[in-house]
C-alpha atoms as a PDB file:
ATOM      1  CA  MET A   1       0.160   0.433   0.014  1.00  0.00           C
ATOM      2  CA  SER A   2       1.068   3.581  -1.092  1.00  0.00           C
ATOM      3  CA  ASP A   3       1.596   5.762   2.412  1.00  0.00           C
ATOM      4  CA  GLN A   4       0.433   8.925   0.460  1.00  0.00           C
ATOM      5  CA  THR A   5      -1.872  11.148   1.745  1.00  0.00           C
ATOM      6  CA  ALA A   6      -4.011  14.203   0.816  1.00  0.00           C
ATOM      7  CA  ASP A   7      -4.708  17.483   2.620  1.00  0.00           C
ATOM      8  CA  VAL A   8      -8.217  18.206   1.354  1.00  0.00           C
ATOM      9  CA  ALA A   9      -8.568  21.193   3.432  1.00  0.00           C
ATOM     10  CA  ARG A  10      -5.849  22.644   1.355  1.00  0.00           C
ATOM     11  CA  ILE A  11      -7.102  21.387  -2.148  1.00  0.00           C
ATOM     12  CA  LYS A  12     -10.309  23.198  -1.591  1.00  0.00           C
ATOM     13  CA  GLU A  13      -9.467  25.706  -0.262  1.00  0.00           C
ATOM     14  CA  SER A  14      -6.435  26.072  -3.122  1.00  0.00           C
ATOM     15  CA  ALA A  15      -9.552  25.788  -5.308  1.00  0.00           C
ATOM     16  CA  ARG A  16     -11.226  28.631  -3.919  1.00  0.00           C
ATOM     17  CA  SER A  17      -8.422  31.009  -4.295  1.00  0.00           C
ATOM     18  CA  LEU A  18      -7.757  30.583  -8.307  1.00  0.00           C
ATOM     19  CA  SER A  19     -11.825  30.531  -8.439  1.00  0.00           C
ATOM     20  CA  LYS A  20     -10.854  34.050  -7.006  1.00  0.00           C
ATOM     21  CA  ILE A  21      -7.982  34.311  -9.033  1.00  0.00           C
ATOM     22  CA  HIS A  22      -9.798  33.840 -12.100  1.00  0.00           C
ATOM     23  CA  ARG A  23     -12.773  36.594 -11.224  1.00  0.00           C
ATOM     24  CA  GLU A  24     -10.107  39.180 -10.503  1.00  0.00           C
ATOM     25  CA  PHE A  25      -8.466  38.423 -14.037  1.00  0.00           C
ATOM     26  CA  THR A  26     -11.313  38.177 -16.234  1.00  0.00           C
ATOM     27  CA  GLY A  27     -12.931  41.274 -14.449  1.00  0.00           C
ATOM     28  CA  ASN A  28     -10.030  43.138 -14.662  1.00  0.00           C
ATOM     29  CA  ALA A  29      -8.898  45.046 -18.100  1.00  0.00           C
ATOM     30  CA  ASN A  30      -5.617  47.249 -18.829  1.00  0.00           C
ATOM     31  CA  PRO A  31      -5.614  49.073 -15.442  1.00  0.00           C
ATOM     32  CA  ALA A  32      -5.372  52.464 -17.811  1.00  0.00           C
ATOM     33  CA  ASP A  33      -8.262  52.746 -19.982  1.00  0.00           C
ATOM     34  CA  GLY A  34     -10.426  55.340 -20.241  1.00  0.00           C
ATOM     35  CA  LEU A  35      -7.093  57.658 -19.268  1.00  0.00           C
ATOM     36  CA  GLY A  36      -5.921  60.316 -21.454  1.00  0.00           C
ATOM     37  CA  VAL A  37      -3.301  62.493 -21.564  1.00  0.00           C
ATOM     38  CA  GLU A  38      -5.104  64.954 -19.073  1.00  0.00           C
ATOM     39  CA  VAL A  39      -4.542  62.234 -16.414  1.00  0.00           C
ATOM     40  CA  LEU A  40      -1.375  60.609 -17.328  1.00  0.00           C
ATOM     41  CA  GLY A  41       0.579  63.363 -19.027  1.00  0.00           C
ATOM     42  CA  ASP A  42       2.167  62.302 -23.013  1.00  0.00           C
ATOM     43  CA  ARG A  43       0.687  60.907 -25.188  1.00  0.00           C
ATOM     44  CA  SER A  44       3.175  58.272 -25.738  1.00  0.00           C
ATOM     45  CA  LEU A  45       2.322  56.498 -22.079  1.00  0.00           C
ATOM     46  CA  VAL A  46      -0.604  56.224 -23.033  1.00  0.00           C
ATOM     47  CA  GLU A  47      -0.274  54.691 -26.405  1.00  0.00           C
ATOM     48  CA  THR A  48       2.267  52.031 -24.421  1.00  0.00           C
ATOM     49  CA  PHE A  49      -0.441  51.615 -21.939  1.00  0.00           C
ATOM     50  CA  ASP A  50      -3.081  51.078 -25.051  1.00  0.00           C
ATOM     51  CA  ASP A  51      -0.558  48.822 -26.148  1.00  0.00           C
ATOM     52  CA  PHE A  52       0.178  46.296 -23.034  1.00  0.00           C
ATOM     53  CA  GLY A  53      -3.528  46.821 -22.968  1.00  0.00           C
ATOM     54  CA  ASP A  54      -4.015  44.802 -26.182  1.00  0.00           C
ATOM     55  CA  ASN A  55      -0.999  42.227 -25.567  1.00  0.00           C
ATOM     56  CA  TRP A  56      -2.453  41.696 -21.443  1.00  0.00           C
ATOM     57  CA  LYS A  57      -6.190  41.551 -22.851  1.00  0.00           C
ATOM     58  CA  ILE A  58      -4.773  37.953 -25.097  1.00  0.00           C
ATOM     59  CA  HIS A  59      -2.386  37.285 -22.579  1.00  0.00           C
ATOM     60  CA  ARG A  60      -5.078  37.049 -19.813  1.00  0.00           C
ATOM     61  CA  GLU A  61      -7.887  35.292 -21.669  1.00  0.00           C
ATOM     62  CA  ARG A  62      -5.340  32.605 -21.928  1.00  0.00           C
ATOM     63  CA  LEU A  63      -3.819  32.811 -18.522  1.00  0.00           C
ATOM     64  CA  THR A  64      -7.677  32.685 -17.355  1.00  0.00           C
ATOM     65  CA  ASP A  65      -8.635  29.620 -19.253  1.00  0.00           C
ATOM     66  CA  GLU A  66      -5.637  27.682 -17.198  1.00  0.00           C
ATOM     67  CA  ILE A  67      -6.764  29.082 -13.413  1.00  0.00           C
ATOM     68  CA  GLU A  68     -10.457  27.982 -14.322  1.00  0.00           C
ATOM     69  CA  LYS A  69      -9.508  24.685 -15.830  1.00  0.00           C
ATOM     70  CA  LEU A  70      -6.843  24.388 -12.725  1.00  0.00           C
ATOM     71  CA  SER A  71      -9.686  25.221 -10.254  1.00  0.00           C
ATOM     72  CA  LYS A  72     -12.167  22.859 -11.808  1.00  0.00           C
ATOM     73  CA  ILE A  73      -9.199  20.441 -11.271  1.00  0.00           C
ATOM     74  CA  LEU A  74      -8.865  20.840  -7.801  1.00  0.00           C
ATOM     75  CA  SER A  75     -12.427  20.858  -6.645  1.00  0.00           C
ATOM     76  CA  THR A  76     -13.285  17.782  -8.443  1.00  0.00           C
ATOM     77  CA  ALA A  77      -9.405  16.095  -6.417  1.00  0.00           C
ATOM     78  CA  ALA A  78     -11.235  17.560  -3.221  1.00  0.00           C
ATOM     79  CA  GLN A  79     -14.461  16.028  -3.963  1.00  0.00           C
ATOM     80  CA  THR A  80     -12.741  12.414  -5.010  1.00  0.00           C
ATOM     81  CA  TYR A  81     -10.958  12.418  -2.172  1.00  0.00           C
ATOM     82  CA  GLU A  82     -13.209  12.557  -0.144  1.00  0.00           C
ATOM     83  CA  GLU A  83     -15.200  10.322  -1.884  1.00  0.00           C
ATOM     84  CA  ILE A  84     -12.810   7.279  -1.561  1.00  0.00           C
ATOM     85  CA  ASP A  85     -12.142   8.326   1.882  1.00  0.00           C
ATOM     86  CA  HIS A  86     -15.409   7.495   2.810  1.00  0.00           C
ATOM     87  CA  GLN A  87     -15.887   4.794   0.513  1.00  0.00           C
ATOM     88  CA  LEU A  88     -12.830   3.487   2.686  1.00  0.00           C
ATOM     89  CA  ALA A  89     -14.272   3.903   5.515  1.00  0.00           C
ATOM     90  CA  GLU A  90     -17.571   2.392   4.989  1.00  0.00           C
ATOM     91  CA  ALA A  91     -15.687  -1.284   4.180  1.00  0.00           C
ATOM     92  CA  LEU A  92     -13.496  -1.013   7.334  1.00  0.00           C
ATOM     93  CA  ARG A  93     -16.879  -0.234   9.275  1.00  0.00           C
ATOM     94  CA  GLY A  94     -18.546  -3.337   7.923  1.00  0.00           C
ATOM     95  CA  THR A  95     -15.108  -5.274   7.792  1.00  0.00           C
ATOM     96  CA  ASP A  96     -14.881  -4.745  11.689  1.00  0.00           C
ATOM     97  CA  LYS A  97     -19.035  -5.558  12.409  1.00  0.00           C
ATOM     98  CA  GLN A  98     -18.378  -8.938  10.250  1.00  0.00           C
ATOM     99  CA  ALA A  99     -15.076  -9.236  12.603  1.00  0.00           C
ATOM    100  CA  THR A 100     -16.695  -9.021  16.095  1.00  0.00           C
ATOM    101  CA  SER A 101     -19.914 -11.192  14.933  1.00  0.00           C
ATOM    102  CA  GLY A 102     -18.065 -14.086  14.011  1.00  0.00           C
ATOM    103  CA  LYS A 103     -18.751 -14.069  10.220  1.00  0.00           C
ATOM    104  CA  GLY A 104     -15.177 -14.184   9.204  1.00  0.00           C
ATOM    105  CA  GLY A 105     -12.252 -12.281   9.844  1.00  0.00           C
ATOM    106  CA  ALA A 106      -8.979 -13.687  11.191  1.00  0.00           C
ATOM    107  CA  LYS A 107      -8.488 -16.113  13.628  1.00  0.00           C
END
C-alpha cells in the first residue's frame, strides 16, 4: 500500500483561491483603460498603456482559461478524495462488524 496522504482542506482552499483569482482576472482589463493625456500626462505613455492593454488582454484570456481549468481539477480532486475516504471507511466498518460478530475475519 502507498503512504500517500491528501490535505483535502488545502486542496479546497487552493481551488477557492484560484476561483477568486479567475474572477479578478476576468473582471479587470487594462488598468489604464480610459485614461488619457490629461491623467497620464504624455501621449506616448497613453500609447504604451494601450499597447500593453491589447497584449495583456490576449495573455489574460489564456491565463484565465488555465486558472479556471486548474480550479476545477482541484475541486474535483478534493471531492474524489472525500468520496474515496468515505467508501474506505464504510468498507472498514463492514469488515469490523463481520469480525466482531464472528462471521469472518482473522482467527
